[in-house]
mmCIF file of all heavy atoms, coordinates in Angstrom:
data_MODEL
# 
_entry.id   MODEL 
# 
loop_
_atom_site.group_PDB 
_atom_site.id 
_atom_site.type_symbol 
_atom_site.label_atom_id 
_atom_site.label_alt_id 
_atom_site.label_comp_id 
_atom_site.label_asym_id 
_atom_site.label_entity_id 
_atom_site.label_seq_id 
_atom_site.pdbx_PDB_ins_code 
_atom_site.Cartn_x 
_atom_site.Cartn_y 
_atom_site.Cartn_z 
_atom_site.occupancy 
_atom_site.B_iso_or_equiv 
_atom_site.pdbx_formal_charge 
_atom_site.auth_seq_id 
_atom_site.auth_comp_id 
_atom_site.auth_asym_id 
_atom_site.auth_atom_id 
_atom_site.pdbx_PDB_model_num 
ATOM 1   N N   . CYS A 1 1  ? 5.629   1.403  -2.680  1.00 0.00 ? 1  CYS A N   1 
ATOM 2   C CA  . CYS A 1 1  ? 6.821   1.808  -3.493  1.00 0.00 ? 1  CYS A CA  1 
ATOM 3   C C   . CYS A 1 1  ? 7.183   0.782  -4.554  1.00 0.00 ? 1  CYS A C   1 
ATOM 4   O O   . CYS A 1 1  ? 8.081   0.990  -5.354  1.00 0.00 ? 1  CYS A O   1 
ATOM 5   C CB  . CYS A 1 1  ? 8.013   2.067  -2.557  1.00 0.00 ? 1  CYS A CB  1 
ATOM 6   S SG  . CYS A 1 1  ? 8.624   0.650  -1.688  1.00 0.00 ? 1  CYS A SG  1 
ATOM 7   N N   . ASP A 1 2  ? 6.542   -0.404 -4.543  1.00 0.00 ? 2  ASP A N   1 
ATOM 8   C CA  . ASP A 1 2  ? 6.776   -1.430 -5.540  1.00 0.00 ? 2  ASP A CA  1 
ATOM 9   C C   . ASP A 1 2  ? 5.573   -2.369 -5.543  1.00 0.00 ? 2  ASP A C   1 
ATOM 10  O O   . ASP A 1 2  ? 4.607   -2.139 -4.790  1.00 0.00 ? 2  ASP A O   1 
ATOM 11  C CB  . ASP A 1 2  ? 8.055   -2.196 -5.303  1.00 0.00 ? 2  ASP A CB  1 
ATOM 12  C CG  . ASP A 1 2  ? 8.113   -2.841 -3.907  1.00 0.00 ? 2  ASP A CG  1 
ATOM 13  O OD1 . ASP A 1 2  ? 7.059   -2.959 -3.250  1.00 0.00 ? 2  ASP A OD1 1 
ATOM 14  O OD2 . ASP A 1 2  ? 9.206   -3.269 -3.495  1.00 0.00 ? 2  ASP A OD2 1 
ATOM 15  N N   . MET A 1 3  ? 5.616   -3.358 -6.392  1.00 0.00 ? 3  MET A N   1 
ATOM 16  C CA  . MET A 1 3  ? 4.442   -4.261 -6.543  1.00 0.00 ? 3  MET A CA  1 
ATOM 17  C C   . MET A 1 3  ? 4.129   -4.957 -5.206  1.00 0.00 ? 3  MET A C   1 
ATOM 18  O O   . MET A 1 3  ? 2.965   -5.014 -4.825  1.00 0.00 ? 3  MET A O   1 
ATOM 19  C CB  . MET A 1 3  ? 4.764   -5.312 -7.595  1.00 0.00 ? 3  MET A CB  1 
ATOM 20  C CG  . MET A 1 3  ? 3.570   -6.129 -8.019  1.00 0.00 ? 3  MET A CG  1 
ATOM 21  S SD  . MET A 1 3  ? 2.361   -5.188 -8.876  1.00 0.00 ? 3  MET A SD  1 
ATOM 22  C CE  . MET A 1 3  ? 1.474   -6.447 -9.782  1.00 0.00 ? 3  MET A CE  1 
ATOM 23  N N   . LYS A 1 4  ? 5.151   -5.424 -4.513  1.00 0.00 ? 4  LYS A N   1 
ATOM 24  C CA  . LYS A 1 4  ? 4.936   -6.101 -3.258  1.00 0.00 ? 4  LYS A CA  1 
ATOM 25  C C   . LYS A 1 4  ? 4.246   -5.239 -2.218  1.00 0.00 ? 4  LYS A C   1 
ATOM 26  O O   . LYS A 1 4  ? 3.241   -5.600 -1.591  1.00 0.00 ? 4  LYS A O   1 
ATOM 27  C CB  . LYS A 1 4  ? 6.267   -6.647 -2.692  1.00 0.00 ? 4  LYS A CB  1 
ATOM 28  C CG  . LYS A 1 4  ? 6.121   -7.364 -1.341  1.00 0.00 ? 4  LYS A CG  1 
ATOM 29  C CD  . LYS A 1 4  ? 7.489   -7.779 -0.805  1.00 0.00 ? 4  LYS A CD  1 
ATOM 30  C CE  . LYS A 1 4  ? 7.332   -8.365 0.591   1.00 0.00 ? 4  LYS A CE  1 
ATOM 31  N NZ  . LYS A 1 4  ? 8.649   -8.690 1.171   1.00 0.00 ? 4  LYS A NZ  1 
ATOM 32  N N   . SER A 1 5  ? 4.792   -4.034 -2.000  1.00 0.00 ? 5  SER A N   1 
ATOM 33  C CA  . SER A 1 5  ? 4.243   -3.151 -0.986  1.00 0.00 ? 5  SER A CA  1 
ATOM 34  C C   . SER A 1 5  ? 2.886   -2.605 -1.407  1.00 0.00 ? 5  SER A C   1 
ATOM 35  O O   . SER A 1 5  ? 2.001   -2.380 -0.534  1.00 0.00 ? 5  SER A O   1 
ATOM 36  C CB  . SER A 1 5  ? 5.228   -2.023 -0.656  1.00 0.00 ? 5  SER A CB  1 
ATOM 37  O OG  . SER A 1 5  ? 5.544   -1.301 -1.821  1.00 0.00 ? 5  SER A OG  1 
ATOM 38  N N   . ASN A 1 6  ? 2.665   -2.352 -2.693  1.00 0.00 ? 6  ASN A N   1 
ATOM 39  C CA  . ASN A 1 6  ? 1.351   -1.891 -3.135  1.00 0.00 ? 6  ASN A CA  1 
ATOM 40  C C   . ASN A 1 6  ? 0.278   -2.902 -2.781  1.00 0.00 ? 6  ASN A C   1 
ATOM 41  O O   . ASN A 1 6  ? -0.769  -2.559 -2.291  1.00 0.00 ? 6  ASN A O   1 
ATOM 42  C CB  . ASN A 1 6  ? 1.368   -1.665 -4.679  1.00 0.00 ? 6  ASN A CB  1 
ATOM 43  C CG  . ASN A 1 6  ? 2.167   -0.422 -5.024  1.00 0.00 ? 6  ASN A CG  1 
ATOM 44  O OD1 . ASN A 1 6  ? 2.249   0.534  -4.275  1.00 0.00 ? 6  ASN A OD1 1 
ATOM 45  N ND2 . ASN A 1 6  ? 2.700   -0.418 -6.230  1.00 0.00 ? 6  ASN A ND2 1 
ATOM 46  N N   . LYS A 1 7  ? 0.575   -4.172 -3.064  1.00 0.00 ? 7  LYS A N   1 
ATOM 47  C CA  . LYS A 1 7  ? -0.413  -5.197 -2.726  1.00 0.00 ? 7  LYS A CA  1 
ATOM 48  C C   . LYS A 1 7  ? -0.671  -5.302 -1.210  1.00 0.00 ? 7  LYS A C   1 
ATOM 49  O O   . LYS A 1 7  ? -1.775  -5.435 -0.777  1.00 0.00 ? 7  LYS A O   1 
ATOM 50  C CB  . LYS A 1 7  ? 0.028   -6.582 -3.276  1.00 0.00 ? 7  LYS A CB  1 
ATOM 51  C CG  . LYS A 1 7  ? -0.049  -6.726 -4.793  1.00 0.00 ? 7  LYS A CG  1 
ATOM 52  C CD  . LYS A 1 7  ? 0.404   -8.067 -5.247  1.00 0.00 ? 7  LYS A CD  1 
ATOM 53  C CE  . LYS A 1 7  ? 0.178   -8.242 -6.750  1.00 0.00 ? 7  LYS A CE  1 
ATOM 54  N NZ  . LYS A 1 7  ? 0.633   -9.609 -7.221  1.00 0.00 ? 7  LYS A NZ  1 
ATOM 55  N N   . GLU A 1 8  ? 0.467   -5.201 -0.472  1.00 0.00 ? 8  GLU A N   1 
ATOM 56  C CA  . GLU A 1 8  ? 0.351   -5.313 0.995   1.00 0.00 ? 8  GLU A CA  1 
ATOM 57  C C   . GLU A 1 8  ? -0.449  -4.098 1.534   1.00 0.00 ? 8  GLU A C   1 
ATOM 58  O O   . GLU A 1 8  ? -1.269  -4.279 2.470   1.00 0.00 ? 8  GLU A O   1 
ATOM 59  C CB  . GLU A 1 8  ? 1.733   -5.311 1.632   1.00 0.00 ? 8  GLU A CB  1 
ATOM 60  C CG  . GLU A 1 8  ? 1.695   -5.457 3.139   1.00 0.00 ? 8  GLU A CG  1 
ATOM 61  C CD  . GLU A 1 8  ? 3.057   -5.475 3.794   1.00 0.00 ? 8  GLU A CD  1 
ATOM 62  O OE1 . GLU A 1 8  ? 4.094   -5.444 3.082   1.00 0.00 ? 8  GLU A OE1 1 
ATOM 63  O OE2 . GLU A 1 8  ? 3.091   -5.488 5.020   1.00 0.00 ? 8  GLU A OE2 1 
ATOM 64  N N   . MET A 1 9  ? -0.246  -2.931 0.969   1.00 0.00 ? 9  MET A N   1 
ATOM 65  C CA  . MET A 1 9  ? -0.979  -1.738 1.455   1.00 0.00 ? 9  MET A CA  1 
ATOM 66  C C   . MET A 1 9  ? -2.495  -1.887 1.187   1.00 0.00 ? 9  MET A C   1 
ATOM 67  O O   . MET A 1 9  ? -3.310  -1.434 2.031   1.00 0.00 ? 9  MET A O   1 
ATOM 68  C CB  . MET A 1 9  ? -0.433  -0.489 0.823   1.00 0.00 ? 9  MET A CB  1 
ATOM 69  C CG  . MET A 1 9  ? 0.998   -0.115 1.265   1.00 0.00 ? 9  MET A CG  1 
ATOM 70  S SD  . MET A 1 9  ? 1.194   -0.014 3.050   1.00 0.00 ? 9  MET A SD  1 
ATOM 71  C CE  . MET A 1 9  ? 1.746   -1.660 3.485   1.00 0.00 ? 9  MET A CE  1 
ATOM 72  N N   . ILE A 1 10 ? -2.871  -2.444 0.060   1.00 0.00 ? 10 ILE A N   1 
ATOM 73  C CA  . ILE A 1 10 ? -4.302  -2.602 -0.182  1.00 0.00 ? 10 ILE A CA  1 
ATOM 74  C C   . ILE A 1 10 ? -4.925  -3.518 0.873   1.00 0.00 ? 10 ILE A C   1 
ATOM 75  O O   . ILE A 1 10 ? -6.008  -3.228 1.399   1.00 0.00 ? 10 ILE A O   1 
ATOM 76  C CB  . ILE A 1 10 ? -4.527  -3.158 -1.605  1.00 0.00 ? 10 ILE A CB  1 
ATOM 77  C CG1 . ILE A 1 10 ? -4.262  -2.035 -2.636  1.00 0.00 ? 10 ILE A CG1 1 
ATOM 78  C CG2 . ILE A 1 10 ? -5.936  -3.711 -1.748  1.00 0.00 ? 10 ILE A CG2 1 
ATOM 79  C CD1 . ILE A 1 10 ? -4.393  -2.458 -4.044  1.00 0.00 ? 10 ILE A CD1 1 
ATOM 80  N N   . GLU A 1 11 ? -4.290  -4.613 1.197   1.00 0.00 ? 11 GLU A N   1 
ATOM 81  C CA  . GLU A 1 11 ? -4.807  -5.516 2.233   1.00 0.00 ? 11 GLU A CA  1 
ATOM 82  C C   . GLU A 1 11 ? -4.819  -4.842 3.601   1.00 0.00 ? 11 GLU A C   1 
ATOM 83  O O   . GLU A 1 11 ? -5.746  -5.004 4.360   1.00 0.00 ? 11 GLU A O   1 
ATOM 84  C CB  . GLU A 1 11 ? -3.952  -6.788 2.242   1.00 0.00 ? 11 GLU A CB  1 
ATOM 85  C CG  . GLU A 1 11 ? -4.097  -7.658 1.013   1.00 0.00 ? 11 GLU A CG  1 
ATOM 86  C CD  . GLU A 1 11 ? -5.563  -7.936 0.667   1.00 0.00 ? 11 GLU A CD  1 
ATOM 87  O OE1 . GLU A 1 11 ? -6.303  -8.389 1.519   1.00 0.00 ? 11 GLU A OE1 1 
ATOM 88  O OE2 . GLU A 1 11 ? -5.879  -7.721 -0.527  1.00 0.00 ? 11 GLU A OE2 1 
ATOM 89  N N   . LEU A 1 12 ? -3.795  -4.045 3.878   1.00 0.00 ? 12 LEU A N   1 
ATOM 90  C CA  . LEU A 1 12 ? -3.691  -3.322 5.158   1.00 0.00 ? 12 LEU A CA  1 
ATOM 91  C C   . LEU A 1 12 ? -4.850  -2.338 5.313   1.00 0.00 ? 12 LEU A C   1 
ATOM 92  O O   . LEU A 1 12 ? -5.434  -2.247 6.397   1.00 0.00 ? 12 LEU A O   1 
ATOM 93  C CB  . LEU A 1 12 ? -2.341  -2.626 5.251   1.00 0.00 ? 12 LEU A CB  1 
ATOM 94  C CG  . LEU A 1 12 ? -1.855  -2.285 6.677   1.00 0.00 ? 12 LEU A CG  1 
ATOM 95  C CD1 . LEU A 1 12 ? -1.569  -3.523 7.456   1.00 0.00 ? 12 LEU A CD1 1 
ATOM 96  C CD2 . LEU A 1 12 ? -0.584  -1.439 6.562   1.00 0.00 ? 12 LEU A CD2 1 
ATOM 97  N N   . SER A 1 13 ? -5.153  -1.633 4.228   1.00 0.00 ? 13 SER A N   1 
ATOM 98  C CA  . SER A 1 13 ? -6.193  -0.620 4.273   1.00 0.00 ? 13 SER A CA  1 
ATOM 99  C C   . SER A 1 13 ? -7.573  -1.244 4.506   1.00 0.00 ? 13 SER A C   1 
ATOM 100 O O   . SER A 1 13 ? -8.474  -0.591 5.084   1.00 0.00 ? 13 SER A O   1 
ATOM 101 C CB  . SER A 1 13 ? -6.220  0.209  3.013   1.00 0.00 ? 13 SER A CB  1 
ATOM 102 O OG  . SER A 1 13 ? -6.670  -0.536 1.897   1.00 0.00 ? 13 SER A OG  1 
ATOM 103 N N   . LYS A 1 14 ? -7.735  -2.485 4.113   1.00 0.00 ? 14 LYS A N   1 
ATOM 104 C CA  . LYS A 1 14 ? -9.005  -3.174 4.354   1.00 0.00 ? 14 LYS A CA  1 
ATOM 105 C C   . LYS A 1 14 ? -9.135  -3.591 5.833   1.00 0.00 ? 14 LYS A C   1 
ATOM 106 O O   . LYS A 1 14 ? -10.237 -3.727 6.383   1.00 0.00 ? 14 LYS A O   1 
ATOM 107 C CB  . LYS A 1 14 ? -9.115  -4.402 3.435   1.00 0.00 ? 14 LYS A CB  1 
ATOM 108 C CG  . LYS A 1 14 ? -9.187  -4.119 1.966   1.00 0.00 ? 14 LYS A CG  1 
ATOM 109 C CD  . LYS A 1 14 ? -9.175  -5.391 1.170   1.00 0.00 ? 14 LYS A CD  1 
ATOM 110 C CE  . LYS A 1 14 ? -9.217  -5.109 -0.329  1.00 0.00 ? 14 LYS A CE  1 
ATOM 111 N NZ  . LYS A 1 14 ? -9.124  -6.369 -1.165  1.00 0.00 ? 14 LYS A NZ  1 
ATOM 112 N N   . LYS A 1 15 ? -7.979  -3.782 6.442   1.00 0.00 ? 15 LYS A N   1 
ATOM 113 C CA  . LYS A 1 15 ? -7.970  -4.355 7.812   1.00 0.00 ? 15 LYS A CA  1 
ATOM 114 C C   . LYS A 1 15 ? -8.119  -3.247 8.858   1.00 0.00 ? 15 LYS A C   1 
ATOM 115 O O   . LYS A 1 15 ? -8.702  -3.480 9.899   1.00 0.00 ? 15 LYS A O   1 
ATOM 116 C CB  . LYS A 1 15 ? -6.671  -5.106 8.030   1.00 0.00 ? 15 LYS A CB  1 
ATOM 117 C CG  . LYS A 1 15 ? -6.633  -5.878 9.362   1.00 0.00 ? 15 LYS A CG  1 
ATOM 118 C CD  . LYS A 1 15 ? -5.339  -6.684 9.437   1.00 0.00 ? 15 LYS A CD  1 
ATOM 119 C CE  . LYS A 1 15 ? -5.265  -7.466 10.728  1.00 0.00 ? 15 LYS A CE  1 
ATOM 120 N NZ  . LYS A 1 15 ? -4.028  -8.273 10.834  1.00 0.00 ? 15 LYS A NZ  1 
ATOM 121 N N   . TYR A 1 16 ? -7.587  -2.079 8.562   1.00 0.00 ? 16 TYR A N   1 
ATOM 122 C CA  . TYR A 1 16 ? -7.532  -1.008 9.592   1.00 0.00 ? 16 TYR A CA  1 
ATOM 123 C C   . TYR A 1 16 ? -8.234  0.233  9.115   1.00 0.00 ? 16 TYR A C   1 
ATOM 124 O O   . TYR A 1 16 ? -7.897  0.810  8.036   1.00 0.00 ? 16 TYR A O   1 
ATOM 125 C CB  . TYR A 1 16 ? -6.114  -0.678 9.971   1.00 0.00 ? 16 TYR A CB  1 
ATOM 126 C CG  . TYR A 1 16 ? -5.332  -1.806 10.613  1.00 0.00 ? 16 TYR A CG  1 
ATOM 127 C CD1 . TYR A 1 16 ? -4.412  -2.528 9.868   1.00 0.00 ? 16 TYR A CD1 1 
ATOM 128 C CD2 . TYR A 1 16 ? -5.596  -2.154 11.982  1.00 0.00 ? 16 TYR A CD2 1 
ATOM 129 C CE1 . TYR A 1 16 ? -3.723  -3.575 10.462  1.00 0.00 ? 16 TYR A CE1 1 
ATOM 130 C CE2 . TYR A 1 16 ? -4.887  -3.183 12.556  1.00 0.00 ? 16 TYR A CE2 1 
ATOM 131 C CZ  . TYR A 1 16 ? -3.959  -3.925 11.769  1.00 0.00 ? 16 TYR A CZ  1 
ATOM 132 O OH  . TYR A 1 16 ? -3.257  -4.941 12.379  1.00 0.00 ? 16 TYR A OH  1 
ATOM 133 N N   . ASN A 1 17 ? -9.182  0.733  9.885   1.00 0.00 ? 17 ASN A N   1 
ATOM 134 C CA  . ASN A 1 17 ? -9.909  1.945  9.555   1.00 0.00 ? 17 ASN A CA  1 
ATOM 135 C C   . ASN A 1 17 ? -8.982  3.169  9.529   1.00 0.00 ? 17 ASN A C   1 
ATOM 136 O O   . ASN A 1 17 ? -9.246  4.120  8.775   1.00 0.00 ? 17 ASN A O   1 
ATOM 137 C CB  . ASN A 1 17 ? -11.047 2.194  10.542  1.00 0.00 ? 17 ASN A CB  1 
ATOM 138 C CG  . ASN A 1 17 ? -12.179 1.208  10.422  1.00 0.00 ? 17 ASN A CG  1 
ATOM 139 O OD1 . ASN A 1 17 ? -12.395 0.653  9.298   1.00 0.00 ? 17 ASN A OD1 1 
ATOM 140 N ND2 . ASN A 1 17 ? -12.857 0.929  11.497  1.00 0.00 ? 17 ASN A ND2 1 
ATOM 141 N N   . GLU A 1 18 ? -7.932  3.120  10.308  1.00 0.00 ? 18 GLU A N   1 
ATOM 142 C CA  . GLU A 1 18 ? -7.092  4.307  10.462  1.00 0.00 ? 18 GLU A CA  1 
ATOM 143 C C   . GLU A 1 18 ? -6.141  4.558  9.292   1.00 0.00 ? 18 GLU A C   1 
ATOM 144 O O   . GLU A 1 18 ? -5.538  5.593  9.188   1.00 0.00 ? 18 GLU A O   1 
ATOM 145 C CB  . GLU A 1 18 ? -6.203  4.170  11.720  1.00 0.00 ? 18 GLU A CB  1 
ATOM 146 C CG  . GLU A 1 18 ? -6.985  3.939  13.032  1.00 0.00 ? 18 GLU A CG  1 
ATOM 147 C CD  . GLU A 1 18 ? -7.070  2.418  13.353  1.00 0.00 ? 18 GLU A CD  1 
ATOM 148 O OE1 . GLU A 1 18 ? -7.120  1.614  12.403  1.00 0.00 ? 18 GLU A OE1 1 
ATOM 149 O OE2 . GLU A 1 18 ? -7.031  2.080  14.571  1.00 0.00 ? 18 GLU A OE2 1 
ATOM 150 N N   . ILE A 1 19 ? -6.029  3.541  8.432   1.00 0.00 ? 19 ILE A N   1 
ATOM 151 C CA  . ILE A 1 19 ? -4.987  3.610  7.372   1.00 0.00 ? 19 ILE A CA  1 
ATOM 152 C C   . ILE A 1 19 ? -5.626  3.934  6.007   1.00 0.00 ? 19 ILE A C   1 
ATOM 153 O O   . ILE A 1 19 ? -6.568  3.295  5.564   1.00 0.00 ? 19 ILE A O   1 
ATOM 154 C CB  . ILE A 1 19 ? -4.254  2.247  7.290   1.00 0.00 ? 19 ILE A CB  1 
ATOM 155 C CG1 . ILE A 1 19 ? -3.402  2.008  8.553   1.00 0.00 ? 19 ILE A CG1 1 
ATOM 156 C CG2 . ILE A 1 19 ? -3.408  2.202  6.012   1.00 0.00 ? 19 ILE A CG2 1 
ATOM 157 C CD1 . ILE A 1 19 ? -2.593  0.736  8.493   1.00 0.00 ? 19 ILE A CD1 1 
ATOM 158 N N   . TYR A 1 20 ? -5.043  4.940  5.395   1.00 0.00 ? 20 TYR A N   1 
ATOM 159 C CA  . TYR A 1 20 ? -5.230  5.272  3.989   1.00 0.00 ? 20 TYR A CA  1 
ATOM 160 C C   . TYR A 1 20 ? -3.934  4.959  3.248   1.00 0.00 ? 20 TYR A C   1 
ATOM 161 O O   . TYR A 1 20 ? -2.882  4.936  3.899   1.00 0.00 ? 20 TYR A O   1 
ATOM 162 C CB  . TYR A 1 20 ? -5.653  6.728  3.796   1.00 0.00 ? 20 TYR A CB  1 
ATOM 163 C CG  . TYR A 1 20 ? -7.019  7.022  4.383   1.00 0.00 ? 20 TYR A CG  1 
ATOM 164 C CD1 . TYR A 1 20 ? -7.189  7.211  5.764   1.00 0.00 ? 20 TYR A CD1 1 
ATOM 165 C CD2 . TYR A 1 20 ? -8.162  7.075  3.577   1.00 0.00 ? 20 TYR A CD2 1 
ATOM 166 C CE1 . TYR A 1 20 ? -8.437  7.472  6.286   1.00 0.00 ? 20 TYR A CE1 1 
ATOM 167 C CE2 . TYR A 1 20 ? -9.418  7.364  4.089   1.00 0.00 ? 20 TYR A CE2 1 
ATOM 168 C CZ  . TYR A 1 20 ? -9.576  7.534  5.461   1.00 0.00 ? 20 TYR A CZ  1 
ATOM 169 O OH  . TYR A 1 20 ? -10.775 7.788  6.003   1.00 0.00 ? 20 TYR A OH  1 
ATOM 170 N N   . ILE A 1 21 ? -3.996  4.805  1.947   1.00 0.00 ? 21 ILE A N   1 
ATOM 171 C CA  . ILE A 1 21 ? -2.808  4.353  1.270   1.00 0.00 ? 21 ILE A CA  1 
ATOM 172 C C   . ILE A 1 21 ? -2.579  5.096  -0.072  1.00 0.00 ? 21 ILE A C   1 
ATOM 173 O O   . ILE A 1 21 ? -3.519  5.692  -0.630  1.00 0.00 ? 21 ILE A O   1 
ATOM 174 C CB  . ILE A 1 21 ? -2.837  2.847  0.978   1.00 0.00 ? 21 ILE A CB  1 
ATOM 175 C CG1 . ILE A 1 21 ? -4.020  2.480  0.071   1.00 0.00 ? 21 ILE A CG1 1 
ATOM 176 C CG2 . ILE A 1 21 ? -2.910  2.088  2.286   1.00 0.00 ? 21 ILE A CG2 1 
ATOM 177 C CD1 . ILE A 1 21 ? -3.978  1.022  -0.452  1.00 0.00 ? 21 ILE A CD1 1 
ATOM 178 N N   . THR A 1 22 ? -1.369  5.005  -0.534  1.00 0.00 ? 22 THR A N   1 
ATOM 179 C CA  . THR A 1 22 ? -1.025  5.457  -1.885  1.00 0.00 ? 22 THR A CA  1 
ATOM 180 C C   . THR A 1 22 ? -0.364  4.263  -2.591  1.00 0.00 ? 22 THR A C   1 
ATOM 181 O O   . THR A 1 22 ? 0.247   3.388  -1.966  1.00 0.00 ? 22 THR A O   1 
ATOM 182 C CB  . THR A 1 22 ? -0.050  6.670  -1.889  1.00 0.00 ? 22 THR A CB  1 
ATOM 183 O OG1 . THR A 1 22 ? 1.289   6.219  -1.534  1.00 0.00 ? 22 THR A OG1 1 
ATOM 184 C CG2 . THR A 1 22 ? -0.493  7.718  -0.889  1.00 0.00 ? 22 THR A CG2 1 
ATOM 185 N N   . LEU A 1 23 ? -0.462  4.293  -3.901  1.00 0.00 ? 23 LEU A N   1 
ATOM 186 C CA  . LEU A 1 23 ? 0.169   3.240  -4.703  1.00 0.00 ? 23 LEU A CA  1 
ATOM 187 C C   . LEU A 1 23 ? 1.104   3.856  -5.677  1.00 0.00 ? 23 LEU A C   1 
ATOM 188 O O   . LEU A 1 23 ? 0.796   4.870  -6.318  1.00 0.00 ? 23 LEU A O   1 
ATOM 189 C CB  . LEU A 1 23 ? -0.932  2.450  -5.512  1.00 0.00 ? 23 LEU A CB  1 
ATOM 190 C CG  . LEU A 1 23 ? -2.043  1.786  -4.723  1.00 0.00 ? 23 LEU A CG  1 
ATOM 191 C CD1 . LEU A 1 23 ? -3.023  1.128  -5.685  1.00 0.00 ? 23 LEU A CD1 1 
ATOM 192 C CD2 . LEU A 1 23 ? -1.501  0.784  -3.719  1.00 0.00 ? 23 LEU A CD2 1 
ATOM 193 N N   . GLY A 1 24 ? 2.314   3.249  -5.821  1.00 0.00 ? 24 GLY A N   1 
ATOM 194 C CA  . GLY A 1 24 ? 3.262   3.842  -6.712  1.00 0.00 ? 24 GLY A CA  1 
ATOM 195 C C   . GLY A 1 24 ? 4.509   2.972  -6.858  1.00 0.00 ? 24 GLY A C   1 
ATOM 196 O O   . GLY A 1 24 ? 4.688   2.000  -6.097  1.00 0.00 ? 24 GLY A O   1 
ATOM 197 N N   . ILE A 1 25 ? 5.368   3.387  -7.770  1.00 0.00 ? 25 ILE A N   1 
ATOM 198 C CA  . ILE A 1 25 ? 6.671   2.711  -7.934  1.00 0.00 ? 25 ILE A CA  1 
ATOM 199 C C   . ILE A 1 25 ? 7.745   3.754  -7.685  1.00 0.00 ? 25 ILE A C   1 
ATOM 200 O O   . ILE A 1 25 ? 7.871   4.719  -8.420  1.00 0.00 ? 25 ILE A O   1 
ATOM 201 C CB  . ILE A 1 25 ? 6.807   2.086  -9.328  1.00 0.00 ? 25 ILE A CB  1 
ATOM 202 C CG1 . ILE A 1 25 ? 5.696   1.086  -9.571  1.00 0.00 ? 25 ILE A CG1 1 
ATOM 203 C CG2 . ILE A 1 25 ? 8.172   1.410  -9.474  1.00 0.00 ? 25 ILE A CG2 1 
ATOM 204 C CD1 . ILE A 1 25 ? 5.615   0.570  -11.016 1.00 0.00 ? 25 ILE A CD1 1 
ATOM 205 N N   . HIS A 1 26 ? 8.540   3.543  -6.665  1.00 0.00 ? 26 HIS A N   1 
ATOM 206 C CA  . HIS A 1 26 ? 9.600   4.416  -6.236  1.00 0.00 ? 26 HIS A CA  1 
ATOM 207 C C   . HIS A 1 26 ? 10.719  4.386  -7.278  1.00 0.00 ? 26 HIS A C   1 
ATOM 208 O O   . HIS A 1 26 ? 10.957  3.365  -7.916  1.00 0.00 ? 26 HIS A O   1 
ATOM 209 C CB  . HIS A 1 26 ? 10.126  3.940  -4.871  1.00 0.00 ? 26 HIS A CB  1 
ATOM 210 C CG  . HIS A 1 26 ? 11.017  4.858  -4.184  1.00 0.00 ? 26 HIS A CG  1 
ATOM 211 N ND1 . HIS A 1 26 ? 12.337  5.033  -4.518  1.00 0.00 ? 26 HIS A ND1 1 
ATOM 212 C CD2 . HIS A 1 26 ? 10.814  5.630  -3.080  1.00 0.00 ? 26 HIS A CD2 1 
ATOM 213 C CE1 . HIS A 1 26 ? 12.881  5.912  -3.649  1.00 0.00 ? 26 HIS A CE1 1 
ATOM 214 N NE2 . HIS A 1 26 ? 11.978  6.271  -2.806  1.00 0.00 ? 26 HIS A NE2 1 
ATOM 215 N N   . PRO A 1 27 ? 11.419  5.533  -7.460  1.00 0.00 ? 27 PRO A N   1 
ATOM 216 C CA  . PRO A 1 27 ? 12.484  5.573  -8.462  1.00 0.00 ? 27 PRO A CA  1 
ATOM 217 C C   . PRO A 1 27 ? 13.629  4.565  -8.210  1.00 0.00 ? 27 PRO A C   1 
ATOM 218 O O   . PRO A 1 27 ? 14.267  4.144  -9.173  1.00 0.00 ? 27 PRO A O   1 
ATOM 219 C CB  . PRO A 1 27 ? 13.027  7.023  -8.346  1.00 0.00 ? 27 PRO A CB  1 
ATOM 220 C CG  . PRO A 1 27 ? 12.528  7.560  -7.066  1.00 0.00 ? 27 PRO A CG  1 
ATOM 221 C CD  . PRO A 1 27 ? 11.225  6.882  -6.836  1.00 0.00 ? 27 PRO A CD  1 
ATOM 222 N N   . GLU A 1 28 ? 13.799  4.128  -6.944  1.00 0.00 ? 28 GLU A N   1 
ATOM 223 C CA  . GLU A 1 28 ? 14.838  3.143  -6.724  1.00 0.00 ? 28 GLU A CA  1 
ATOM 224 C C   . GLU A 1 28 ? 14.478  1.743  -7.346  1.00 0.00 ? 28 GLU A C   1 
ATOM 225 O O   . GLU A 1 28 ? 15.298  0.900  -7.451  1.00 0.00 ? 28 GLU A O   1 
ATOM 226 C CB  . GLU A 1 28 ? 15.089  2.982  -5.248  1.00 0.00 ? 28 GLU A CB  1 
ATOM 227 C CG  . GLU A 1 28 ? 13.981  2.303  -4.438  1.00 0.00 ? 28 GLU A CG  1 
ATOM 228 C CD  . GLU A 1 28 ? 14.254  2.259  -2.970  1.00 0.00 ? 28 GLU A CD  1 
ATOM 229 O OE1 . GLU A 1 28 ? 15.198  2.882  -2.499  1.00 0.00 ? 28 GLU A OE1 1 
ATOM 230 O OE2 . GLU A 1 28 ? 13.562  1.465  -2.304  1.00 0.00 ? 28 GLU A OE2 1 
# 
């Protein structure tokens, strides 16, 4: 939902097979 979480999600998706991710900036 923002720069911080987008970066974190990319790292998370590399670590866990079960996780897929989306990248975006939330309206808030």
